[in-house]
Amino acid sequence: MLSSVLLLTACGNIITTDIRGTLGVTWNEAGHPEVIVQPCGLKIDWISVGGNEGTDVDLLTESPPGGEFIVDLMDADEPWAPRGDVVLKFSDSETVRFTGAKEWGDSQVGGILTTWNRVANLNEGEVLIGDTIDIDGSELEPHIVTRDYFSTCTD
């Protein structure tokens, strides 16, 4: 009888995350890092940036934008507000994870695992998308696109 209960519990934990759209990182004219999100129909209300050397940013909104949006990580405008302190270390070697999601849901846009050094080397008008660090820690070739290309929502 106990094994049946455990089996039912295990079967009830199926994860169904809706992953659509793209998250990118770039720099604005003020020299601040920006997260650009093309949600492709998702209602993204949480932007998170976390690093292994202390970077910690959580930005939330009660009014998720319906289309593409940009968030300045150092000076977020309405409707975005930080939850706690915004800590950006900018250590070249720091590994950082950029995430955009529905905070209390199962929807997210494709995120990024990279280093600040990779972000710092972007030229004006370039947007970094996708991981530059593999799961085993090895470096991957960065996927850099133009701002116009980024704005395209494809299936």
N, C-alpha and C. Protein backbone atom coordinates (compact mmCIF):
# COMPACT_ATOMS: atom_id res chain seq x y z
N MET A 1 0.83 -1.19 0.00
CA MET A 1 0.00 0.00 0.00
C MET A 1 0.87 1.25 0.00
N LEU A 2 1.92 1.25 0.76
CA LEU A 2 2.81 2.41 0.84
C LEU A 2 3.44 2.70 -0.51
N SER A 3 3.84 1.68 -1.25
CA SER A 3 4.46 1.91 -2.55
C SER A 3 3.48 2.57 -3.53
N SER A 4 2.19 2.25 -3.43
CA SER A 4 1.19 2.88 -4.30
C SER A 4 1.07 4.36 -4.00
N VAL A 5 1.10 4.71 -2.73
CA VAL A 5 1.02 6.12 -2.34
C VAL A 5 2.23 6.87 -2.85
N LEU A 6 3.40 6.27 -2.71
CA LEU A 6 4.62 6.92 -3.19
C LEU A 6 4.60 7.05 -4.71
N LEU A 7 4.11 6.06 -5.39
CA LEU A 7 4.04 6.11 -6.84
C LEU A 7 3.11 7.23 -7.30
N LEU A 8 1.96 7.36 -6.66
CA LEU A 8 1.03 8.43 -7.02
C LEU A 8 1.64 9.80 -6.76
N THR A 9 2.34 9.93 -5.66
CA THR A 9 2.99 11.20 -5.34
C THR A 9 4.03 11.53 -6.40
N ALA A 10 4.81 10.56 -6.79
CA ALA A 10 5.85 10.80 -7.78
C ALA A 10 5.24 11.17 -9.13
N CYS A 11 4.13 10.54 -9.49
CA CYS A 11 3.50 10.84 -10.77
C CYS A 11 2.83 12.21 -10.78
N GLY A 12 2.50 12.74 -9.62
CA GLY A 12 1.83 14.03 -9.54
C GLY A 12 2.76 15.22 -9.67
N ASN A 13 4.05 15.01 -9.83
CA ASN A 13 5.01 16.10 -9.88
C ASN A 13 5.56 16.33 -11.28
N ILE A 14 4.73 16.21 -12.27
CA ILE A 14 5.17 16.44 -13.64
C ILE A 14 5.32 17.94 -13.84
N ILE A 15 6.48 18.35 -14.35
CA ILE A 15 6.75 19.76 -14.58
C ILE A 15 6.45 20.08 -16.04
N THR A 16 5.62 21.09 -16.25
CA THR A 16 5.29 21.51 -17.61
C THR A 16 5.55 23.00 -17.73
N THR A 17 6.77 23.37 -18.03
CA THR A 17 7.15 24.76 -18.17
C THR A 17 6.97 25.20 -19.61
N ASP A 18 6.31 26.33 -19.79
CA ASP A 18 6.12 26.92 -21.11
C ASP A 18 7.29 27.86 -21.37
N ILE A 19 8.21 27.46 -22.24
CA ILE A 19 9.38 28.27 -22.55
C ILE A 19 9.20 28.81 -23.96
N ARG A 20 9.07 30.13 -24.05
CA ARG A 20 8.90 30.83 -25.33
C ARG A 20 9.67 32.13 -25.26
N GLY A 21 9.91 32.70 -26.42
CA GLY A 21 10.53 34.01 -26.46
C GLY A 21 12.01 33.97 -26.15
N THR A 22 12.56 35.17 -25.99
CA THR A 22 14.00 35.30 -25.80
C THR A 22 14.31 36.41 -24.82
N LEU A 23 15.37 36.22 -24.06
CA LEU A 23 15.91 37.25 -23.19
C LEU A 23 17.30 37.58 -23.72
N GLY A 24 17.62 38.85 -23.79
CA GLY A 24 18.94 39.28 -24.25
C GLY A 24 19.53 40.29 -23.30
N VAL A 25 20.85 40.48 -23.40
CA VAL A 25 21.55 41.46 -22.57
C VAL A 25 22.32 42.40 -23.48
N THR A 26 22.28 43.67 -23.16
CA THR A 26 23.00 44.69 -23.91
C THR A 26 23.36 45.83 -22.96
N TRP A 27 23.93 46.90 -23.48
CA TRP A 27 24.27 48.10 -22.71
C TRP A 27 23.50 49.27 -23.28
N ASN A 28 23.09 50.21 -22.42
CA ASN A 28 22.44 51.41 -22.93
C ASN A 28 23.43 52.57 -23.01
N GLU A 29 22.96 53.73 -23.45
CA GLU A 29 23.83 54.89 -23.64
C GLU A 29 24.46 55.36 -22.34
N ALA A 30 23.81 55.11 -21.21
CA ALA A 30 24.34 55.52 -19.91
C ALA A 30 25.41 54.55 -19.39
N GLY A 31 25.65 53.47 -20.12
CA GLY A 31 26.63 52.48 -19.68
C GLY A 31 26.07 51.47 -18.69
N HIS A 32 24.75 51.36 -18.63
CA HIS A 32 24.10 50.40 -17.74
C HIS A 32 23.74 49.13 -18.50
N PRO A 33 23.85 47.97 -17.85
CA PRO A 33 23.39 46.75 -18.50
C PRO A 33 21.86 46.74 -18.56
N GLU A 34 21.34 46.28 -19.69
CA GLU A 34 19.90 46.19 -19.88
C GLU A 34 19.52 44.76 -20.25
N VAL A 35 18.38 44.35 -19.76
CA VAL A 35 17.78 43.09 -20.17
C VAL A 35 16.67 43.44 -21.15
N ILE A 36 16.71 42.81 -22.32
CA ILE A 36 15.66 42.99 -23.33
C ILE A 36 14.90 41.67 -23.40
N VAL A 37 13.59 41.76 -23.37
CA VAL A 37 12.77 40.54 -23.39
C VAL A 37 11.76 40.62 -24.54
N GLN A 38 11.75 39.58 -25.35
CA GLN A 38 10.72 39.37 -26.37
C GLN A 38 9.92 38.17 -25.87
N PRO A 39 8.79 38.41 -25.16
CA PRO A 39 8.09 37.31 -24.49
C PRO A 39 7.22 36.45 -25.40
N CYS A 40 7.01 36.86 -26.64
CA CYS A 40 6.21 36.04 -27.57
C CYS A 40 4.89 35.58 -26.96
N GLY A 41 4.18 36.51 -26.33
CA GLY A 41 2.87 36.21 -25.79
C GLY A 41 2.83 35.86 -24.31
N LEU A 42 3.96 35.59 -23.69
CA LEU A 42 3.98 35.29 -22.25
C LEU A 42 3.89 36.58 -21.44
N LYS A 43 3.36 36.50 -20.25
CA LYS A 43 3.29 37.64 -19.33
C LYS A 43 4.42 37.49 -18.30
N ILE A 44 5.56 38.07 -18.61
CA ILE A 44 6.75 37.97 -17.76
C ILE A 44 6.69 39.07 -16.71
N ASP A 45 6.71 38.69 -15.42
CA ASP A 45 6.63 39.69 -14.35
C ASP A 45 7.84 39.66 -13.41
N TRP A 46 8.87 38.88 -13.75
CA TRP A 46 10.03 38.75 -12.88
C TRP A 46 11.29 38.65 -13.72
N ILE A 47 12.25 39.52 -13.43
CA ILE A 47 13.58 39.48 -14.04
C ILE A 47 14.56 39.22 -12.91
N SER A 48 15.42 38.25 -13.09
CA SER A 48 16.39 37.89 -12.06
C SER A 48 17.78 37.78 -12.68
N VAL A 49 18.76 38.32 -11.96
CA VAL A 49 20.16 38.18 -12.35
C VAL A 49 20.91 37.74 -11.10
N GLY A 50 21.54 36.58 -11.16
CA GLY A 50 22.28 36.07 -10.02
C GLY A 50 23.66 35.62 -10.44
N GLY A 51 24.64 35.88 -9.59
CA GLY A 51 26.01 35.51 -9.92
C GLY A 51 26.71 34.78 -8.80
N ASN A 52 27.84 34.16 -9.14
CA ASN A 52 28.58 33.38 -8.15
C ASN A 52 29.55 34.24 -7.34
N GLU A 53 29.61 35.56 -7.60
CA GLU A 53 30.47 36.44 -6.81
C GLU A 53 29.68 37.56 -6.15
N GLY A 54 28.37 37.40 -6.04
CA GLY A 54 27.57 38.35 -5.28
C GLY A 54 26.54 39.14 -6.05
N THR A 55 26.56 39.09 -7.38
CA THR A 55 25.52 39.80 -8.14
C THR A 55 24.16 39.22 -7.78
N ASP A 56 23.21 40.12 -7.46
CA ASP A 56 21.88 39.68 -7.05
C ASP A 56 20.87 40.77 -7.40
N VAL A 57 20.04 40.50 -8.38
CA VAL A 57 19.01 41.46 -8.80
C VAL A 57 17.70 40.70 -8.98
N ASP A 58 16.65 41.18 -8.33
CA ASP A 58 15.30 40.67 -8.53
C ASP A 58 14.40 41.86 -8.81
N LEU A 59 13.83 41.92 -10.00
CA LEU A 59 12.92 42.99 -10.39
C LEU A 59 11.55 42.39 -10.68
N LEU A 60 10.51 43.03 -10.14
CA LEU A 60 9.15 42.52 -10.30
C LEU A 60 8.23 43.62 -10.83
N THR A 61 7.15 43.20 -11.48
CA THR A 61 6.11 44.13 -11.89
C THR A 61 4.75 43.49 -11.66
N GLU A 62 3.77 44.33 -11.31
CA GLU A 62 2.40 43.84 -11.20
C GLU A 62 1.66 44.01 -12.52
N SER A 63 2.30 44.69 -13.49
CA SER A 63 1.69 44.93 -14.80
C SER A 63 2.63 44.44 -15.90
N PRO A 64 2.70 43.13 -16.12
CA PRO A 64 3.62 42.61 -17.13
C PRO A 64 3.32 43.18 -18.52
N PRO A 65 4.35 43.67 -19.21
CA PRO A 65 4.14 44.17 -20.57
C PRO A 65 3.69 43.03 -21.49
N GLY A 66 2.89 43.37 -22.48
CA GLY A 66 2.40 42.35 -23.40
C GLY A 66 3.36 42.03 -24.52
N GLY A 67 4.20 43.01 -24.87
CA GLY A 67 5.15 42.81 -25.97
C GLY A 67 6.57 42.96 -25.48
N GLU A 68 7.47 43.22 -26.43
CA GLU A 68 8.89 43.37 -26.11
C GLU A 68 9.09 44.51 -25.12
N PHE A 69 10.03 44.31 -24.18
CA PHE A 69 10.34 45.38 -23.22
C PHE A 69 11.81 45.34 -22.84
N ILE A 70 12.28 46.47 -22.29
CA ILE A 70 13.67 46.64 -21.87
C ILE A 70 13.67 47.08 -20.42
N VAL A 71 14.58 46.51 -19.62
CA VAL A 71 14.71 46.88 -18.22
C VAL A 71 16.17 47.24 -17.95
N ASP A 72 16.41 48.46 -17.49
CA ASP A 72 17.73 48.92 -17.07
C ASP A 72 18.00 48.31 -15.70
N LEU A 73 19.01 47.48 -15.58
CA LEU A 73 19.26 46.78 -14.31
C LEU A 73 19.72 47.71 -13.19
N MET A 74 20.30 48.87 -13.53
CA MET A 74 20.78 49.80 -12.52
C MET A 74 19.78 50.91 -12.22
N ASP A 75 18.78 51.08 -13.06
CA ASP A 75 17.82 52.17 -12.91
C ASP A 75 16.49 51.77 -13.53
N ALA A 76 15.87 50.76 -12.97
CA ALA A 76 14.62 50.23 -13.53
C ALA A 76 13.49 51.25 -13.40
N ASP A 77 12.78 51.45 -14.50
CA ASP A 77 11.63 52.37 -14.52
C ASP A 77 10.35 51.60 -14.20
N GLU A 78 9.29 52.37 -13.87
CA GLU A 78 7.97 51.79 -13.70
C GLU A 78 7.61 51.02 -14.96
N PRO A 79 6.99 49.92 -14.89
CA PRO A 79 6.33 49.33 -13.73
C PRO A 79 7.23 48.38 -12.93
N TRP A 80 8.55 48.39 -13.21
CA TRP A 80 9.46 47.46 -12.55
C TRP A 80 9.97 48.03 -11.24
N ALA A 81 10.07 47.19 -10.22
CA ALA A 81 10.58 47.60 -8.91
C ALA A 81 11.46 46.49 -8.35
N PRO A 82 12.57 46.87 -7.71
CA PRO A 82 13.45 45.85 -7.13
C PRO A 82 12.84 45.22 -5.89
N ARG A 83 13.10 43.94 -5.71
CA ARG A 83 12.77 43.26 -4.45
C ARG A 83 14.09 43.12 -3.72
N GLY A 84 14.30 43.92 -2.71
CA GLY A 84 15.57 43.93 -2.00
C GLY A 84 16.58 44.83 -2.69
N ASP A 85 17.82 44.72 -2.28
CA ASP A 85 18.89 45.54 -2.85
C ASP A 85 19.29 45.02 -4.22
N VAL A 86 19.68 45.96 -5.09
CA VAL A 86 20.23 45.60 -6.39
C VAL A 86 21.74 45.59 -6.25
N VAL A 87 22.35 44.42 -6.43
CA VAL A 87 23.80 44.27 -6.29
C VAL A 87 24.35 43.76 -7.62
N LEU A 88 25.16 44.61 -8.27
CA LEU A 88 25.82 44.23 -9.52
C LEU A 88 27.32 44.34 -9.29
N LYS A 89 28.03 43.24 -9.32
CA LYS A 89 29.47 43.22 -9.01
C LYS A 89 30.35 43.56 -10.21
N PHE A 90 29.95 43.20 -11.40
CA PHE A 90 30.70 43.46 -12.64
C PHE A 90 32.12 42.90 -12.63
N SER A 91 32.35 41.83 -11.90
CA SER A 91 33.65 41.16 -11.95
C SER A 91 33.71 40.40 -13.27
N ASP A 92 34.78 40.63 -14.05
CA ASP A 92 34.88 40.00 -15.38
C ASP A 92 34.67 38.50 -15.36
N SER A 93 35.16 37.84 -14.31
CA SER A 93 35.09 36.38 -14.27
C SER A 93 33.80 35.86 -13.65
N GLU A 94 32.97 36.74 -13.09
CA GLU A 94 31.75 36.28 -12.43
C GLU A 94 30.80 35.63 -13.43
N THR A 95 30.35 34.44 -13.10
CA THR A 95 29.33 33.75 -13.88
C THR A 95 27.97 34.28 -13.44
N VAL A 96 27.17 34.72 -14.41
CA VAL A 96 25.86 35.29 -14.09
C VAL A 96 24.77 34.60 -14.90
N ARG A 97 23.62 34.40 -14.26
CA ARG A 97 22.45 33.80 -14.89
C ARG A 97 21.37 34.88 -14.99
N PHE A 98 20.90 35.13 -16.21
CA PHE A 98 19.82 36.08 -16.47
C PHE A 98 18.56 35.28 -16.74
N THR A 99 17.47 35.60 -16.03
CA THR A 99 16.22 34.85 -16.15
C THR A 99 15.04 35.81 -16.26
N GLY A 100 14.09 35.47 -17.09
CA GLY A 100 12.82 36.18 -17.17
C GLY A 100 11.71 35.16 -17.08
N ALA A 101 10.77 35.36 -16.16
CA ALA A 101 9.74 34.34 -15.94
C ALA A 101 8.48 34.95 -15.34
N LYS A 102 7.46 34.11 -15.24
CA LYS A 102 6.28 34.45 -14.45
C LYS A 102 6.60 33.94 -13.06
N GLU A 103 6.68 34.87 -12.09
CA GLU A 103 7.18 34.51 -10.76
C GLU A 103 6.41 33.34 -10.14
N TRP A 104 5.11 33.37 -10.18
CA TRP A 104 4.32 32.29 -9.57
C TRP A 104 3.62 31.50 -10.66
N GLY A 105 4.38 31.01 -11.59
CA GLY A 105 3.80 30.25 -12.69
C GLY A 105 4.82 29.32 -13.30
N ASP A 106 4.48 28.82 -14.44
CA ASP A 106 5.36 27.86 -15.10
C ASP A 106 5.71 28.34 -16.51
N SER A 107 5.92 29.66 -16.65
CA SER A 107 6.27 30.24 -17.94
C SER A 107 7.57 31.01 -17.82
N GLN A 108 8.42 30.90 -18.83
CA GLN A 108 9.66 31.67 -18.84
C GLN A 108 10.15 31.84 -20.27
N VAL A 109 11.02 32.86 -20.44
CA VAL A 109 11.68 33.05 -21.72
C VAL A 109 13.06 32.41 -21.63
N GLY A 110 13.65 32.12 -22.78
CA GLY A 110 15.00 31.54 -22.78
C GLY A 110 15.98 32.46 -22.07
N GLY A 111 16.71 31.97 -21.10
CA GLY A 111 17.64 32.78 -20.31
C GLY A 111 19.07 32.70 -20.82
N ILE A 112 19.97 33.25 -20.03
CA ILE A 112 21.38 33.31 -20.41
C ILE A 112 22.26 32.93 -19.22
N LEU A 113 23.27 32.12 -19.46
CA LEU A 113 24.34 31.86 -18.50
C LEU A 113 25.62 32.32 -19.17
N THR A 114 26.28 33.34 -18.58
CA THR A 114 27.45 33.94 -19.20
C THR A 114 28.34 34.56 -18.13
N THR A 115 29.31 35.36 -18.55
CA THR A 115 30.15 36.12 -17.62
C THR A 115 29.98 37.60 -17.93
N TRP A 116 30.30 38.45 -16.94
CA TRP A 116 30.24 39.89 -17.19
C TRP A 116 31.22 40.28 -18.29
N ASN A 117 32.34 39.57 -18.39
CA ASN A 117 33.31 39.88 -19.43
C ASN A 117 32.68 39.75 -20.82
N ARG A 118 31.90 38.70 -21.04
CA ARG A 118 31.22 38.53 -22.33
C ARG A 118 30.25 39.68 -22.60
N VAL A 119 29.54 40.11 -21.56
CA VAL A 119 28.59 41.21 -21.71
C VAL A 119 29.35 42.51 -21.98
N ALA A 120 30.45 42.73 -21.27
CA ALA A 120 31.23 43.96 -21.42
C ALA A 120 31.82 44.11 -22.82
N ASN A 121 32.04 43.02 -23.52
CA ASN A 121 32.65 43.07 -24.85
C ASN A 121 31.66 43.27 -25.99
N LEU A 122 30.40 43.49 -25.65
CA LEU A 122 29.41 43.75 -26.70
C LEU A 122 29.63 45.14 -27.30
N ASN A 123 29.46 45.24 -28.60
CA ASN A 123 29.52 46.54 -29.28
C ASN A 123 28.14 47.18 -29.27
N GLU A 124 28.10 48.47 -29.56
CA GLU A 124 26.83 49.19 -29.61
C GLU A 124 25.88 48.51 -30.60
N GLY A 125 24.64 48.30 -30.17
CA GLY A 125 23.63 47.68 -31.02
C GLY A 125 23.61 46.17 -30.99
N GLU A 126 24.57 45.55 -30.28
CA GLU A 126 24.60 44.08 -30.19
C GLU A 126 23.84 43.60 -28.96
N VAL A 127 23.21 42.45 -29.11
CA VAL A 127 22.47 41.82 -28.02
C VAL A 127 22.97 40.39 -27.87
N LEU A 128 23.36 40.03 -26.66
CA LEU A 128 23.80 38.67 -26.35
C LEU A 128 22.59 37.84 -25.98
N ILE A 129 22.42 36.70 -26.67
CA ILE A 129 21.35 35.77 -26.33
C ILE A 129 21.95 34.38 -26.17
N GLY A 130 21.34 33.56 -25.36
CA GLY A 130 21.81 32.18 -25.18
C GLY A 130 23.02 32.09 -24.28
N ASP A 131 23.31 30.88 -23.84
CA ASP A 131 24.41 30.62 -22.91
C ASP A 131 25.76 30.74 -23.60
N THR A 132 26.77 31.22 -22.83
CA THR A 132 28.15 31.19 -23.30
C THR A 132 28.98 30.26 -22.42
N ILE A 133 28.31 29.60 -21.47
CA ILE A 133 28.97 28.62 -20.60
C ILE A 133 28.14 27.34 -20.65
N ASP A 134 28.78 26.23 -20.96
CA ASP A 134 28.09 24.95 -21.04
C ASP A 134 27.88 24.40 -19.64
N ILE A 135 27.05 23.38 -19.53
CA ILE A 135 26.74 22.77 -18.24
C ILE A 135 27.99 22.21 -17.57
N ASP A 136 28.99 21.82 -18.36
CA ASP A 136 30.23 21.28 -17.79
C ASP A 136 31.24 22.38 -17.46
N GLY A 137 30.85 23.66 -17.67
CA GLY A 137 31.74 24.78 -17.35
C GLY A 137 32.59 25.26 -18.51
N SER A 138 32.59 24.52 -19.61
CA SER A 138 33.39 24.95 -20.76
C SER A 138 32.71 26.14 -21.46
N GLU A 139 33.54 26.93 -22.15
CA GLU A 139 33.01 28.11 -22.83
C GLU A 139 32.37 27.74 -24.16
N LEU A 140 31.27 28.41 -24.46
CA LEU A 140 30.59 28.26 -25.73
C LEU A 140 30.75 29.55 -26.52
N GLU A 141 30.66 29.45 -27.81
CA GLU A 141 30.72 30.64 -28.66
C GLU A 141 29.50 31.52 -28.37
N PRO A 142 29.69 32.81 -28.14
CA PRO A 142 28.54 33.67 -27.84
C PRO A 142 27.63 33.83 -29.06
N HIS A 143 26.35 33.92 -28.81
CA HIS A 143 25.38 34.16 -29.87
C HIS A 143 24.98 35.63 -29.76
N ILE A 144 25.50 36.44 -30.68
CA ILE A 144 25.26 37.87 -30.66
C ILE A 144 24.43 38.23 -31.88
N VAL A 145 23.35 38.98 -31.65
CA VAL A 145 22.46 39.37 -32.73
C VAL A 145 22.28 40.89 -32.71
N THR A 146 21.71 41.42 -33.80
CA THR A 146 21.40 42.84 -33.84
C THR A 146 20.10 43.08 -33.08
N ARG A 147 19.87 44.31 -32.73
CA ARG A 147 18.65 44.69 -32.03
C ARG A 147 17.42 44.35 -32.89
N ASP A 148 17.49 44.61 -34.19
CA ASP A 148 16.36 44.32 -35.08
C ASP A 148 16.06 42.82 -35.14
N TYR A 149 17.10 42.01 -35.23
CA TYR A 149 16.92 40.56 -35.27
C TYR A 149 16.28 40.08 -33.97
N PHE A 150 16.74 40.62 -32.87
CA PHE A 150 16.23 40.21 -31.56
C PHE A 150 14.73 40.43 -31.46
N SER A 151 14.25 41.52 -32.02
CA SER A 151 12.84 41.89 -31.90
C SER A 151 11.88 40.94 -32.61
N THR A 152 12.40 40.05 -33.43
CA THR A 152 11.56 39.11 -34.17
C THR A 152 11.12 37.97 -33.27
N CYS A 153 9.83 37.69 -33.27
CA CYS A 153 9.30 36.56 -32.50
C CYS A 153 8.98 35.44 -33.46
N THR A 154 9.70 34.32 -33.33
CA THR A 154 9.47 33.17 -34.21
C THR A 154 9.05 31.97 -33.38
N ASP A 155 8.36 31.05 -34.02
CA ASP A 155 7.93 29.82 -33.34
C ASP A 155 9.03 28.79 -33.38
